[in-house]
Amino acid sequence: MITDYCFLILSVLFFYYRFKLIFYQMKLKDKQLIAENIVIISGPSGAGEDTIISELNKQIKLEKIITTTTREKRVGEKNAKDYYFISDKEFKENIKKGVFVEYACEYNDNYYGVSEKELLRVANSKKLGIWKIEYKGVMTAKKLFPHIKAILIKAPLSELEKRLKNRDKNNQKHIKERMSYTKEWLKHQEIYDFKVINKNGCLSKATTKILNYLKKIKKSIDK
């Protein structure tokens, strides 16, 4: 009787650890899939990431990771295309549930985050995934996916400030906050694998540099 009971306990433990190991291996497999099929493109406000991503998309097949945010929808933006727009309350509930792989409260007091579900959607899309995040998000992503590549797009501070002023002409406080955040951002350039300067009039050159880098690290990207 005791022998049978011990055998039952051992069988249960074996089943538990065996399948726990399988689940863990699946998780590692997902991490590897994400690191292999997704590239981070990052840069401070005014650096031109969206424009460069749009130019890249004309030459290779890309799938953009859609960020979830609490900020207000701007004119022309669409939910589930530009961002997943949710309330502050819902975002915080999702934080507690562990929905987000990474998230941050940025200079404008709005939350931005990316879910594991979204990363896996893009990683399985058969296209090159582009993950646009700020530097704090890059730090988190590098810890979770050590082999993921991150590209920094930047420009001279004077040009960044001028671009922001042209975009937000009547909001000096907003511009000042963004420039302060940018200066802090540029103190952490060592976290990136590749850096490109997108000066005024050099969009095509910056795009080509990134395209060549992507072709170098992702041999299987579609032309």
N, C-alpha and C. Protein backbone atom coordinates (compact mmCIF):
# COMPACT_ATOMS: atom_id res chain seq x y z
N MET A 1 0.83 -1.21 0.00
CA MET A 1 0.00 0.00 0.00
C MET A 1 0.86 1.26 0.00
N ILE A 2 1.84 1.29 0.90
CA ILE A 2 2.75 2.43 0.99
C ILE A 2 3.54 2.58 -0.30
N THR A 3 3.96 1.41 -0.84
CA THR A 3 4.73 1.42 -2.08
C THR A 3 3.91 1.99 -3.23
N ASP A 4 2.65 1.59 -3.29
CA ASP A 4 1.76 2.10 -4.34
C ASP A 4 1.54 3.61 -4.20
N TYR A 5 1.40 4.06 -2.96
CA TYR A 5 1.19 5.48 -2.68
C TYR A 5 2.41 6.30 -3.11
N CYS A 6 3.59 5.78 -2.77
CA CYS A 6 4.84 6.45 -3.15
C CYS A 6 4.98 6.51 -4.66
N PHE A 7 4.61 5.42 -5.31
CA PHE A 7 4.69 5.37 -6.77
C PHE A 7 3.77 6.41 -7.40
N LEU A 8 2.56 6.55 -6.81
CA LEU A 8 1.61 7.53 -7.30
C LEU A 8 2.15 8.95 -7.16
N ILE A 9 2.74 9.24 -5.98
CA ILE A 9 3.31 10.56 -5.74
C ILE A 9 4.44 10.85 -6.73
N LEU A 10 5.31 9.87 -6.92
CA LEU A 10 6.43 10.04 -7.85
C LEU A 10 5.93 10.26 -9.28
N SER A 11 4.86 9.55 -9.64
CA SER A 11 4.30 9.70 -10.98
C SER A 11 3.74 11.09 -11.20
N VAL A 12 3.05 11.59 -10.16
CA VAL A 12 2.48 12.95 -10.25
C VAL A 12 3.59 13.99 -10.38
N LEU A 13 4.64 13.83 -9.56
CA LEU A 13 5.77 14.77 -9.60
C LEU A 13 6.46 14.73 -10.95
N PHE A 14 6.62 13.52 -11.48
CA PHE A 14 7.25 13.36 -12.78
C PHE A 14 6.44 14.07 -13.86
N PHE A 15 5.11 13.85 -13.81
CA PHE A 15 4.22 14.49 -14.79
C PHE A 15 4.31 16.01 -14.68
N TYR A 16 4.29 16.52 -13.44
CA TYR A 16 4.35 17.97 -13.21
C TYR A 16 5.62 18.59 -13.74
N TYR A 17 6.77 18.03 -13.36
CA TYR A 17 8.04 18.61 -13.77
C TYR A 17 8.31 18.41 -15.25
N ARG A 18 7.81 17.29 -15.78
CA ARG A 18 8.00 17.04 -17.21
C ARG A 18 7.27 18.11 -18.01
N PHE A 19 6.02 18.36 -17.71
CA PHE A 19 5.24 19.32 -18.47
C PHE A 19 5.60 20.75 -18.12
N LYS A 20 6.05 20.98 -16.89
CA LYS A 20 6.54 22.31 -16.53
C LYS A 20 7.76 22.65 -17.39
N LEU A 21 8.60 21.66 -17.61
CA LEU A 21 9.78 21.84 -18.43
C LEU A 21 9.40 22.12 -19.88
N ILE A 22 8.37 21.38 -20.36
CA ILE A 22 7.92 21.59 -21.73
C ILE A 22 7.38 23.00 -21.91
N PHE A 23 6.55 23.45 -20.93
CA PHE A 23 6.01 24.80 -21.01
C PHE A 23 7.13 25.83 -21.00
N TYR A 24 8.16 25.58 -20.18
CA TYR A 24 9.28 26.51 -20.10
C TYR A 24 10.05 26.56 -21.41
N GLN A 25 10.22 25.39 -22.03
CA GLN A 25 10.90 25.34 -23.31
C GLN A 25 10.10 26.07 -24.39
N MET A 26 8.79 25.95 -24.33
CA MET A 26 7.94 26.66 -25.29
C MET A 26 8.11 28.17 -25.12
N LYS A 27 8.23 28.59 -23.88
CA LYS A 27 8.41 30.01 -23.62
C LYS A 27 9.75 30.49 -24.18
N LEU A 28 10.78 29.69 -24.00
CA LEU A 28 12.09 30.04 -24.57
C LEU A 28 12.02 30.08 -26.10
N LYS A 29 11.24 29.16 -26.64
CA LYS A 29 11.09 29.11 -28.09
C LYS A 29 10.41 30.37 -28.61
N ASP A 30 9.41 30.84 -27.87
CA ASP A 30 8.72 32.08 -28.25
C ASP A 30 9.68 33.26 -28.18
N LYS A 31 10.49 33.29 -27.15
CA LYS A 31 11.47 34.38 -27.00
C LYS A 31 12.45 34.40 -28.17
N GLN A 32 12.88 33.20 -28.55
CA GLN A 32 13.82 33.10 -29.67
C GLN A 32 13.16 33.55 -30.97
N LEU A 33 11.90 33.18 -31.14
CA LEU A 33 11.14 33.56 -32.33
C LEU A 33 11.04 35.08 -32.44
N ILE A 34 10.75 35.71 -31.31
CA ILE A 34 10.62 37.17 -31.27
C ILE A 34 11.96 37.84 -31.59
N ALA A 35 13.04 37.34 -30.98
CA ALA A 35 14.37 37.94 -31.20
C ALA A 35 14.82 37.77 -32.65
N GLU A 36 14.43 36.67 -33.29
CA GLU A 36 14.87 36.40 -34.65
C GLU A 36 14.07 37.18 -35.70
N ASN A 37 12.80 37.42 -35.42
CA ASN A 37 11.91 37.98 -36.44
C ASN A 37 11.51 39.44 -36.22
N ILE A 38 12.00 40.03 -35.14
CA ILE A 38 11.63 41.41 -34.84
C ILE A 38 12.88 42.27 -34.61
N VAL A 39 12.85 43.49 -35.13
CA VAL A 39 13.94 44.45 -34.94
C VAL A 39 13.35 45.72 -34.31
N ILE A 40 14.05 46.28 -33.35
CA ILE A 40 13.61 47.52 -32.71
C ILE A 40 14.13 48.73 -33.49
N ILE A 41 13.23 49.67 -33.75
CA ILE A 41 13.63 50.96 -34.31
C ILE A 41 13.18 52.02 -33.30
N SER A 42 14.13 52.84 -32.88
CA SER A 42 13.88 53.74 -31.76
C SER A 42 14.54 55.09 -31.99
N GLY A 43 13.90 56.12 -31.46
CA GLY A 43 14.50 57.45 -31.60
C GLY A 43 13.65 58.50 -30.90
N PRO A 44 14.25 59.57 -30.46
CA PRO A 44 13.52 60.64 -29.78
C PRO A 44 12.56 61.36 -30.73
N SER A 45 11.64 62.14 -30.16
CA SER A 45 10.66 62.88 -30.95
C SER A 45 11.35 63.76 -31.98
N GLY A 46 10.89 63.64 -33.22
CA GLY A 46 11.46 64.44 -34.29
C GLY A 46 12.58 63.76 -35.06
N ALA A 47 12.97 62.57 -34.63
CA ALA A 47 14.08 61.87 -35.29
C ALA A 47 13.67 61.30 -36.65
N GLY A 48 12.36 61.07 -36.83
CA GLY A 48 11.89 60.60 -38.13
C GLY A 48 11.71 59.10 -38.24
N GLU A 49 11.47 58.42 -37.11
CA GLU A 49 11.32 56.95 -37.17
C GLU A 49 10.15 56.52 -38.05
N ASP A 50 8.99 57.18 -37.87
CA ASP A 50 7.81 56.80 -38.64
C ASP A 50 8.02 56.98 -40.13
N THR A 51 8.67 58.06 -40.51
CA THR A 51 8.94 58.32 -41.93
C THR A 51 9.88 57.28 -42.50
N ILE A 52 10.91 56.93 -41.75
CA ILE A 52 11.87 55.92 -42.21
C ILE A 52 11.22 54.54 -42.29
N ILE A 53 10.40 54.21 -41.31
CA ILE A 53 9.68 52.93 -41.35
C ILE A 53 8.78 52.86 -42.58
N SER A 54 8.12 53.98 -42.89
CA SER A 54 7.26 54.05 -44.08
C SER A 54 8.09 53.86 -45.36
N GLU A 55 9.28 54.46 -45.40
CA GLU A 55 10.15 54.30 -46.57
C GLU A 55 10.67 52.86 -46.69
N LEU A 56 11.01 52.27 -45.57
CA LEU A 56 11.47 50.88 -45.57
C LEU A 56 10.38 49.93 -46.07
N ASN A 57 9.15 50.24 -45.68
CA ASN A 57 8.01 49.39 -46.03
C ASN A 57 7.75 49.37 -47.54
N LYS A 58 8.28 50.35 -48.25
CA LYS A 58 8.14 50.38 -49.71
C LYS A 58 9.11 49.41 -50.38
N GLN A 59 10.13 49.00 -49.63
CA GLN A 59 11.19 48.17 -50.21
C GLN A 59 11.23 46.74 -49.68
N ILE A 60 10.79 46.55 -48.45
CA ILE A 60 10.73 45.19 -47.88
C ILE A 60 9.42 45.02 -47.13
N LYS A 61 9.02 43.77 -46.95
CA LYS A 61 7.75 43.49 -46.27
C LYS A 61 7.92 43.61 -44.76
N LEU A 62 7.20 44.55 -44.18
CA LEU A 62 7.29 44.80 -42.74
C LEU A 62 5.94 44.58 -42.07
N GLU A 63 5.99 44.23 -40.82
CA GLU A 63 4.79 44.15 -39.98
C GLU A 63 5.08 44.93 -38.71
N LYS A 64 4.34 45.99 -38.53
CA LYS A 64 4.58 46.87 -37.38
C LYS A 64 3.90 46.36 -36.12
N ILE A 65 4.63 46.35 -35.03
CA ILE A 65 4.05 46.02 -33.73
C ILE A 65 3.20 47.21 -33.29
N ILE A 66 1.97 46.94 -32.91
CA ILE A 66 1.06 48.00 -32.50
C ILE A 66 1.12 48.17 -30.98
N THR A 67 1.47 49.36 -30.58
CA THR A 67 1.59 49.69 -29.16
C THR A 67 0.23 50.06 -28.58
N THR A 68 0.02 49.69 -27.34
CA THR A 68 -1.18 50.09 -26.61
C THR A 68 -0.88 51.37 -25.85
N THR A 69 -1.78 52.33 -25.90
CA THR A 69 -1.53 53.61 -25.23
C THR A 69 -2.79 54.18 -24.59
N THR A 70 -2.56 55.07 -23.61
CA THR A 70 -3.67 55.77 -22.95
C THR A 70 -3.85 57.18 -23.50
N ARG A 71 -2.98 57.60 -24.42
CA ARG A 71 -3.10 58.96 -24.93
C ARG A 71 -4.30 59.09 -25.85
N GLU A 72 -4.74 60.32 -26.04
CA GLU A 72 -5.89 60.58 -26.90
C GLU A 72 -5.56 60.28 -28.36
N LYS A 73 -6.55 59.80 -29.07
CA LYS A 73 -6.39 59.54 -30.50
C LYS A 73 -6.30 60.85 -31.26
N ARG A 74 -5.31 60.95 -32.14
CA ARG A 74 -5.15 62.16 -32.95
C ARG A 74 -5.97 62.07 -34.23
N VAL A 75 -6.15 63.21 -34.87
CA VAL A 75 -6.92 63.25 -36.12
C VAL A 75 -6.28 62.33 -37.16
N GLY A 76 -7.08 61.46 -37.74
CA GLY A 76 -6.59 60.57 -38.78
C GLY A 76 -6.11 59.22 -38.28
N GLU A 77 -5.89 59.09 -36.98
CA GLU A 77 -5.43 57.83 -36.41
C GLU A 77 -6.58 56.83 -36.26
N LYS A 78 -6.25 55.55 -36.39
CA LYS A 78 -7.26 54.50 -36.27
C LYS A 78 -6.84 53.48 -35.22
N ASN A 79 -7.82 53.05 -34.45
CA ASN A 79 -7.56 52.03 -33.44
C ASN A 79 -7.19 50.71 -34.11
N ALA A 80 -6.22 50.01 -33.51
CA ALA A 80 -5.74 48.71 -34.00
C ALA A 80 -4.94 48.84 -35.30
N LYS A 81 -4.68 50.07 -35.72
CA LYS A 81 -3.80 50.30 -36.86
C LYS A 81 -2.60 51.14 -36.44
N ASP A 82 -2.88 52.30 -35.85
CA ASP A 82 -1.81 53.17 -35.36
C ASP A 82 -1.42 52.79 -33.93
N TYR A 83 -2.43 52.61 -33.10
CA TYR A 83 -2.25 52.18 -31.70
C TYR A 83 -3.49 51.41 -31.27
N TYR A 84 -3.36 50.70 -30.15
CA TYR A 84 -4.54 50.21 -29.46
C TYR A 84 -4.83 51.27 -28.38
N PHE A 85 -5.92 52.00 -28.53
CA PHE A 85 -6.25 53.07 -27.60
C PHE A 85 -7.15 52.54 -26.49
N ILE A 86 -6.69 52.64 -25.24
CA ILE A 86 -7.49 52.19 -24.11
C ILE A 86 -7.42 53.25 -23.00
N SER A 87 -8.28 53.09 -22.00
CA SER A 87 -8.32 54.06 -20.90
C SER A 87 -7.18 53.81 -19.93
N ASP A 88 -6.91 54.81 -19.11
CA ASP A 88 -5.88 54.70 -18.09
C ASP A 88 -6.21 53.56 -17.12
N LYS A 89 -7.48 53.44 -16.76
CA LYS A 89 -7.93 52.39 -15.84
C LYS A 89 -7.68 51.00 -16.42
N GLU A 90 -8.05 50.82 -17.68
CA GLU A 90 -7.87 49.53 -18.34
C GLU A 90 -6.39 49.18 -18.47
N PHE A 91 -5.58 50.17 -18.77
CA PHE A 91 -4.14 49.93 -18.91
C PHE A 91 -3.57 49.43 -17.58
N LYS A 92 -3.92 50.09 -16.50
CA LYS A 92 -3.41 49.71 -15.18
C LYS A 92 -3.90 48.32 -14.76
N GLU A 93 -5.11 47.98 -15.16
CA GLU A 93 -5.63 46.63 -14.89
C GLU A 93 -4.83 45.59 -15.65
N ASN A 94 -4.46 45.92 -16.89
CA ASN A 94 -3.65 45.01 -17.71
C ASN A 94 -2.23 44.86 -17.16
N ILE A 95 -1.73 45.92 -16.53
CA ILE A 95 -0.42 45.82 -15.88
C ILE A 95 -0.48 44.78 -14.77
N LYS A 96 -1.53 44.85 -13.95
CA LYS A 96 -1.69 43.91 -12.84
C LYS A 96 -1.85 42.47 -13.34
N LYS A 97 -2.48 42.32 -14.49
CA LYS A 97 -2.69 40.98 -15.08
C LYS A 97 -1.44 40.44 -15.76
N GLY A 98 -0.41 41.29 -15.91
CA GLY A 98 0.82 40.85 -16.57
C GLY A 98 0.70 40.76 -18.08
N VAL A 99 -0.19 41.57 -18.64
CA VAL A 99 -0.44 41.54 -20.09
C VAL A 99 0.76 42.07 -20.88
N PHE A 100 1.41 43.10 -20.35
CA PHE A 100 2.46 43.77 -21.11
C PHE A 100 3.84 43.18 -20.87
N VAL A 101 4.56 42.99 -21.96
CA VAL A 101 5.96 42.58 -21.89
C VAL A 101 6.80 43.75 -21.41
N GLU A 102 6.48 44.93 -21.90
CA GLU A 102 7.14 46.15 -21.45
C GLU A 102 6.13 47.29 -21.52
N TYR A 103 6.30 48.24 -20.61
CA TYR A 103 5.45 49.42 -20.64
C TYR A 103 6.18 50.56 -19.94
N ALA A 104 5.73 51.78 -20.22
CA ALA A 104 6.35 52.95 -19.59
C ALA A 104 5.36 54.09 -19.55
N CYS A 105 5.52 54.93 -18.54
CA CYS A 105 4.77 56.18 -18.46
C CYS A 105 5.72 57.26 -18.94
N GLU A 106 5.42 57.86 -20.08
CA GLU A 106 6.36 58.79 -20.71
C GLU A 106 6.14 60.22 -20.23
N TYR A 107 6.91 61.13 -20.82
CA TYR A 107 6.94 62.52 -20.41
C TYR A 107 5.56 63.19 -20.38
N ASN A 108 4.62 62.69 -21.21
CA ASN A 108 3.29 63.30 -21.29
C ASN A 108 2.30 62.67 -20.32
N ASP A 109 2.82 61.83 -19.40
CA ASP A 109 2.00 61.15 -18.38
C ASP A 109 1.03 60.13 -18.97
N ASN A 110 1.26 59.74 -20.21
CA ASN A 110 0.47 58.68 -20.81
C ASN A 110 1.27 57.39 -20.82
N TYR A 111 0.55 56.28 -20.71
CA TYR A 111 1.19 54.97 -20.71
C TYR A 111 1.28 54.42 -22.13
N TYR A 112 2.39 53.72 -22.38
CA TYR A 112 2.60 53.01 -23.64
C TYR A 112 3.12 51.62 -23.30
N GLY A 113 2.59 50.60 -23.96
CA GLY A 113 3.06 49.25 -23.67
C GLY A 113 2.80 48.29 -24.81
N VAL A 114 3.50 47.16 -24.79
CA VAL A 114 3.34 46.12 -25.82
C VAL A 114 3.08 44.79 -25.13
N SER A 115 2.09 44.09 -25.62
CA SER A 115 1.72 42.80 -25.02
C SER A 115 2.49 41.65 -25.67
N GLU A 116 2.59 40.56 -24.93
CA GLU A 116 3.22 39.35 -25.48
C GLU A 116 2.43 38.84 -26.67
N LYS A 117 1.11 38.93 -26.58
CA LYS A 117 0.24 38.49 -27.68
C LYS A 117 0.55 39.24 -28.96
N GLU A 118 0.78 40.55 -28.85
CA GLU A 118 1.09 41.36 -30.03
C GLU A 118 2.45 41.00 -30.61
N LEU A 119 3.43 40.78 -29.75
CA LEU A 119 4.76 40.39 -30.22
C LEU A 119 4.71 39.06 -30.97
N LEU A 120 3.97 38.11 -30.44
CA LEU A 120 3.88 36.80 -31.09
C LEU A 120 3.10 36.88 -32.39
N ARG A 121 2.10 37.75 -32.44
CA ARG A 121 1.36 37.95 -33.70
C ARG A 121 2.30 38.39 -34.81
N VAL A 122 3.14 39.36 -34.49
CA VAL A 122 4.07 39.89 -35.48
C VAL A 122 5.19 38.89 -35.79
N ALA A 123 5.71 38.24 -34.76
CA ALA A 123 6.80 37.27 -34.95
C ALA A 123 6.38 36.10 -35.84
N ASN A 124 5.08 35.80 -35.87
CA ASN A 124 4.56 34.70 -36.70
C ASN A 124 3.97 35.17 -38.02
N SER A 125 4.16 36.44 -38.35
CA SER A 125 3.51 37.02 -39.52
C SER A 125 4.19 36.70 -40.85
N LYS A 126 5.38 36.10 -40.80
CA LYS A 126 6.17 35.81 -42.00
C LYS A 126 6.77 37.08 -42.62
N LYS A 127 6.67 38.20 -41.91
CA LYS A 127 7.30 39.44 -42.35
C LYS A 127 8.30 39.87 -41.28
N LEU A 128 9.14 40.82 -41.62
CA LEU A 128 10.07 41.36 -40.64
C LEU A 128 9.30 42.29 -39.71
N GLY A 129 9.33 41.99 -38.43
CA GLY A 129 8.62 42.80 -37.45
C GLY A 129 9.41 44.03 -37.05
N ILE A 130 8.74 45.15 -36.96
CA ILE A 130 9.36 46.40 -36.52
C ILE A 130 8.71 46.83 -35.21
N TRP A 131 9.54 46.98 -34.20
CA TRP A 131 9.08 47.34 -32.86
C TRP A 131 9.59 48.74 -32.54
N LYS A 132 8.69 49.71 -32.51
CA LYS A 132 9.06 51.09 -32.23
C LYS A 132 8.83 51.39 -30.75
N ILE A 133 9.89 51.61 -30.00
CA ILE A 133 9.78 51.91 -28.58
C ILE A 133 10.84 52.93 -28.16
N GLU A 134 10.61 53.56 -27.00
CA GLU A 134 11.59 54.52 -26.50
C GLU A 134 12.69 53.79 -25.73
N TYR A 135 13.68 54.51 -25.26
CA TYR A 135 14.89 53.86 -24.75
C TYR A 135 14.66 53.00 -23.51
N LYS A 136 13.70 53.39 -22.65
CA LYS A 136 13.41 52.56 -21.47
C LYS A 136 12.84 51.21 -21.90
N GLY A 137 12.03 51.25 -22.95
CA GLY A 137 11.48 50.01 -23.49
C GLY A 137 12.57 49.15 -24.10
N VAL A 138 13.55 49.78 -24.74
CA VAL A 138 14.68 49.03 -25.32
C VAL A 138 15.44 48.30 -24.21
N MET A 139 15.64 48.97 -23.10
CA MET A 139 16.35 48.35 -21.98
C MET A 139 15.62 47.09 -21.51
N THR A 140 14.30 47.20 -21.38
CA THR A 140 13.49 46.05 -20.96
C THR A 140 13.54 44.95 -22.00
N ALA A 141 13.39 45.32 -23.27
CA ALA A 141 13.40 44.33 -24.36
C ALA A 141 14.72 43.58 -24.42
N LYS A 142 15.82 44.29 -24.19
CA LYS A 142 17.14 43.66 -24.23
C LYS A 142 17.32 42.64 -23.10
N LYS A 143 16.67 42.89 -21.96
CA LYS A 143 16.75 41.94 -20.85
C LYS A 143 15.92 40.69 -21.15
N LEU A 144 14.75 40.90 -21.76
CA LEU A 144 13.87 39.78 -22.08
C LEU A 144 14.33 38.98 -23.29
N PHE A 145 14.86 39.70 -24.29
CA PHE A 145 15.30 39.08 -25.54
C PHE A 145 16.73 39.55 -25.84
N PRO A 146 17.72 38.98 -25.18
CA PRO A 146 19.12 39.45 -25.28
C PRO A 146 19.66 39.55 -26.71
N HIS A 147 19.13 38.75 -27.63
CA HIS A 147 19.67 38.73 -28.99
C HIS A 147 18.90 39.64 -29.96
N ILE A 148 17.88 40.32 -29.47
CA ILE A 148 17.13 41.20 -30.36
C ILE A 148 17.99 42.41 -30.73
N LYS A 149 17.87 42.86 -31.98
CA LYS A 149 18.67 43.99 -32.45
C LYS A 149 17.88 45.29 -32.32
N ALA A 150 18.58 46.35 -31.93
CA ALA A 150 17.95 47.65 -31.74
C ALA A 150 18.69 48.73 -32.53
N ILE A 151 17.93 49.50 -33.30
CA ILE A 151 18.47 50.57 -34.13
C ILE A 151 18.05 51.93 -33.56
N LEU A 152 19.01 52.82 -33.40
CA LEU A 152 18.72 54.17 -32.93
C LEU A 152 18.75 55.14 -34.10
N ILE A 153 17.67 55.90 -34.26
CA ILE A 153 17.62 56.98 -35.24
C ILE A 153 17.69 58.29 -34.46
N LYS A 154 18.63 59.14 -34.84
CA LYS A 154 18.78 60.40 -34.13
C LYS A 154 19.10 61.51 -35.12
N ALA A 155 19.20 62.72 -34.59
CA ALA A 155 19.56 63.90 -35.39
C ALA A 155 20.19 64.91 -34.44
N PRO A 156 20.90 65.90 -34.96
CA PRO A 156 21.45 66.94 -34.08
C PRO A 156 20.35 67.57 -33.24
N LEU A 157 20.64 67.89 -31.99
CA LEU A 157 19.64 68.45 -31.09
C LEU A 157 18.96 69.70 -31.66
N SER A 158 19.74 70.53 -32.33
CA SER A 158 19.18 71.76 -32.90
C SER A 158 18.12 71.44 -33.96
N GLU A 159 18.36 70.39 -34.74
CA GLU A 159 17.40 69.99 -35.76
C GLU A 159 16.16 69.36 -35.13
N LEU A 160 16.37 68.54 -34.09
CA LEU A 160 15.24 67.93 -33.40
C LEU A 160 14.31 68.99 -32.81
N GLU A 161 14.93 70.00 -32.20
CA GLU A 161 14.14 71.07 -31.59
C GLU A 161 13.37 71.85 -32.65
N LYS A 162 14.01 72.11 -33.78
CA LYS A 162 13.35 72.84 -34.86
C LYS A 162 12.16 72.06 -35.42
N ARG A 163 12.33 70.73 -35.56
CA ARG A 163 11.25 69.89 -36.06
C ARG A 163 10.07 69.90 -35.09
N LEU A 164 10.37 69.85 -33.79
CA LEU A 164 9.32 69.89 -32.78
C LEU A 164 8.58 71.22 -32.79
N LYS A 165 9.32 72.31 -32.98
CA LYS A 165 8.70 73.64 -33.02
C LYS A 165 7.79 73.77 -34.23
N ASN A 166 8.19 73.18 -35.34
CA ASN A 166 7.35 73.21 -36.55
C ASN A 166 6.08 72.38 -36.36
N ARG A 167 6.19 71.32 -35.55
CA ARG A 167 5.06 70.43 -35.31
C ARG A 167 4.13 70.96 -34.22
N ASP A 168 4.71 71.51 -33.16
CA ASP A 168 3.93 72.00 -32.01
C ASP A 168 4.22 73.48 -31.78
N LYS A 169 3.84 74.29 -32.72
CA LYS A 169 4.20 75.71 -32.71
C LYS A 169 3.71 76.46 -31.46
N ASN A 170 2.55 76.08 -30.96
CA ASN A 170 1.94 76.84 -29.86
C ASN A 170 2.05 76.15 -28.51
N ASN A 171 2.93 75.18 -28.40
CA ASN A 171 3.02 74.45 -27.14
C ASN A 171 4.47 74.41 -26.66
N GLN A 172 4.95 75.51 -26.14
CA GLN A 172 6.35 75.63 -25.72
C GLN A 172 6.67 74.68 -24.56
N LYS A 173 5.70 74.49 -23.67
CA LYS A 173 5.91 73.59 -22.53
C LYS A 173 6.15 72.16 -23.02
N HIS A 174 5.35 71.76 -23.98
CA HIS A 174 5.46 70.41 -24.57
C HIS A 174 6.82 70.23 -25.22
N ILE A 175 7.27 71.23 -25.96
CA ILE A 175 8.56 71.17 -26.64
C ILE A 175 9.71 71.06 -25.62
N LYS A 176 9.61 71.86 -24.58
CA LYS A 176 10.63 71.84 -23.53
C LYS A 176 10.72 70.48 -22.86
N GLU A 177 9.56 69.87 -22.58
CA GLU A 177 9.51 68.54 -21.95
C GLU A 177 10.13 67.49 -22.86
N ARG A 178 9.80 67.57 -24.13
CA ARG A 178 10.32 66.60 -25.08
C ARG A 178 11.84 66.72 -25.25
N MET A 179 12.33 67.94 -25.30
CA MET A 179 13.76 68.14 -25.46
C MET A 179 14.52 67.67 -24.22
N SER A 180 13.95 67.87 -23.06
CA SER A 180 14.56 67.39 -21.82
C SER A 180 14.63 65.87 -21.82
N TYR A 181 13.55 65.25 -22.28
CA TYR A 181 13.50 63.78 -22.37
C TYR A 181 14.50 63.27 -23.40
N THR A 182 14.64 63.98 -24.51
CA THR A 182 15.57 63.61 -25.57
C THR A 182 17.01 63.63 -25.06
N LYS A 183 17.38 64.66 -24.32
CA LYS A 183 18.73 64.77 -23.78
C LYS A 183 19.05 63.60 -22.85
N GLU A 184 18.05 63.20 -22.06
CA GLU A 184 18.22 62.04 -21.18
C GLU A 184 18.34 60.77 -22.01
N TRP A 185 17.53 60.66 -23.05
CA TRP A 185 17.53 59.52 -23.96
C TRP A 185 18.91 59.30 -24.56
N LEU A 186 19.52 60.37 -25.04
CA LEU A 186 20.80 60.26 -25.75
C LEU A 186 21.98 59.93 -24.84
N LYS A 187 21.74 59.87 -23.55
CA LYS A 187 22.77 59.42 -22.61
C LYS A 187 22.88 57.90 -22.59
N HIS A 188 21.96 57.23 -23.27
CA HIS A 188 21.89 55.76 -23.20
C HIS A 188 22.06 55.11 -24.57
N GLN A 189 22.89 55.71 -25.40
CA GLN A 189 23.06 55.19 -26.75
C GLN A 189 23.76 53.83 -26.81
N GLU A 190 24.44 53.47 -25.72
CA GLU A 190 25.18 52.20 -25.70
C GLU A 190 24.27 50.98 -25.76
N ILE A 191 22.98 51.15 -25.50
CA ILE A 191 22.06 50.01 -25.52
C ILE A 191 21.69 49.59 -26.94
N TYR A 192 22.06 50.41 -27.92
CA TYR A 192 21.69 50.13 -29.31
C TYR A 192 22.81 49.41 -30.07
N ASP A 193 22.39 48.59 -31.04
CA ASP A 193 23.34 47.83 -31.86
C ASP A 193 23.77 48.60 -33.10
N PHE A 194 22.95 49.54 -33.54
CA PHE A 194 23.24 50.27 -34.78
C PHE A 194 22.64 51.67 -34.65
N LYS A 195 23.39 52.69 -35.08
CA LYS A 195 22.94 54.08 -34.96
C LYS A 195 23.00 54.78 -36.31
N VAL A 196 21.98 55.56 -36.60
CA VAL A 196 21.90 56.30 -37.85
C VAL A 196 21.50 57.74 -37.55
N ILE A 197 22.20 58.69 -38.19
CA ILE A 197 21.86 60.10 -38.03
C ILE A 197 20.98 60.53 -39.20
N ASN A 198 19.79 60.98 -38.89
CA ASN A 198 18.84 61.40 -39.92
C ASN A 198 18.80 62.93 -39.98
N LYS A 199 19.82 63.51 -40.62
CA LYS A 199 19.89 64.96 -40.76
C LYS A 199 18.88 65.46 -41.79
N ASN A 200 18.59 66.73 -41.74
CA ASN A 200 17.69 67.33 -42.72
C ASN A 200 18.23 67.12 -44.13
N GLY A 201 17.37 66.63 -45.00
CA GLY A 201 17.76 66.40 -46.39
C GLY A 201 18.47 65.08 -46.62
N CYS A 202 18.62 64.27 -45.56
CA CYS A 202 19.36 63.01 -45.69
C CYS A 202 18.50 61.78 -45.39
N LEU A 203 17.19 61.92 -45.59
CA LEU A 203 16.27 60.81 -45.31
C LEU A 203 16.60 59.57 -46.12
N SER A 204 16.85 59.75 -47.41
CA SER A 204 17.14 58.62 -48.29
C SER A 204 18.42 57.89 -47.85
N LYS A 205 19.42 58.67 -47.48
CA LYS A 205 20.69 58.10 -47.04
C LYS A 205 20.52 57.31 -45.74
N ALA A 206 19.77 57.87 -44.80
CA ALA A 206 19.53 57.20 -43.52
C ALA A 206 18.74 55.91 -43.73
N THR A 207 17.74 55.97 -44.60
CA THR A 207 16.92 54.79 -44.89
C THR A 207 17.74 53.68 -45.52
N THR A 208 18.61 54.04 -46.45
CA THR A 208 19.47 53.06 -47.12
C THR A 208 20.41 52.38 -46.13
N LYS A 209 20.97 53.15 -45.21
CA LYS A 209 21.86 52.58 -44.20
C LYS A 209 21.14 51.54 -43.35
N ILE A 210 19.93 51.86 -42.96
CA ILE A 210 19.14 50.93 -42.14
C ILE A 210 18.75 49.70 -42.94
N LEU A 211 18.35 49.92 -44.19
CA LEU A 211 17.98 48.81 -45.07
C LEU A 211 19.15 47.84 -45.24
N ASN A 212 20.34 48.36 -45.47
CA ASN A 212 21.53 47.52 -45.63
C ASN A 212 21.84 46.75 -44.35
N TYR A 213 21.64 47.41 -43.22
CA TYR A 213 21.88 46.74 -41.93
C TYR A 213 20.87 45.61 -41.72
N LEU A 214 19.61 45.87 -42.07
CA LEU A 214 18.58 44.84 -41.92
C LEU A 214 18.88 43.63 -42.82
N LYS A 215 19.32 43.90 -44.03
CA LYS A 215 19.66 42.80 -44.95
C LYS A 215 20.85 42.00 -44.45
N LYS A 216 21.72 42.67 -43.75
CA LYS A 216 22.92 42.01 -43.22
C LYS A 216 22.58 41.09 -42.06
N ILE A 217 21.70 41.54 -41.16
CA ILE A 217 21.39 40.74 -39.96
C ILE A 217 20.20 39.80 -40.17
N LYS A 218 19.36 40.08 -41.19
CA LYS A 218 18.19 39.25 -41.48
C LYS A 218 18.28 38.75 -42.91
N LYS A 219 19.00 37.68 -43.11
CA LYS A 219 19.28 37.18 -44.45
C LYS A 219 18.01 36.79 -45.21
N SER A 220 16.94 36.47 -44.47
CA SER A 220 15.74 35.94 -45.12
C SER A 220 14.67 36.98 -45.42
N ILE A 221 14.99 38.29 -45.20
CA ILE A 221 13.94 39.29 -45.44
C ILE A 221 13.59 39.35 -46.92
N ASP A 222 12.30 39.56 -47.18
CA ASP A 222 11.81 39.62 -48.56
C ASP A 222 12.17 40.94 -49.20
N LYS A 223 12.57 40.87 -50.44
CA LYS A 223 12.91 42.08 -51.19
C LYS A 223 11.68 42.59 -51.92
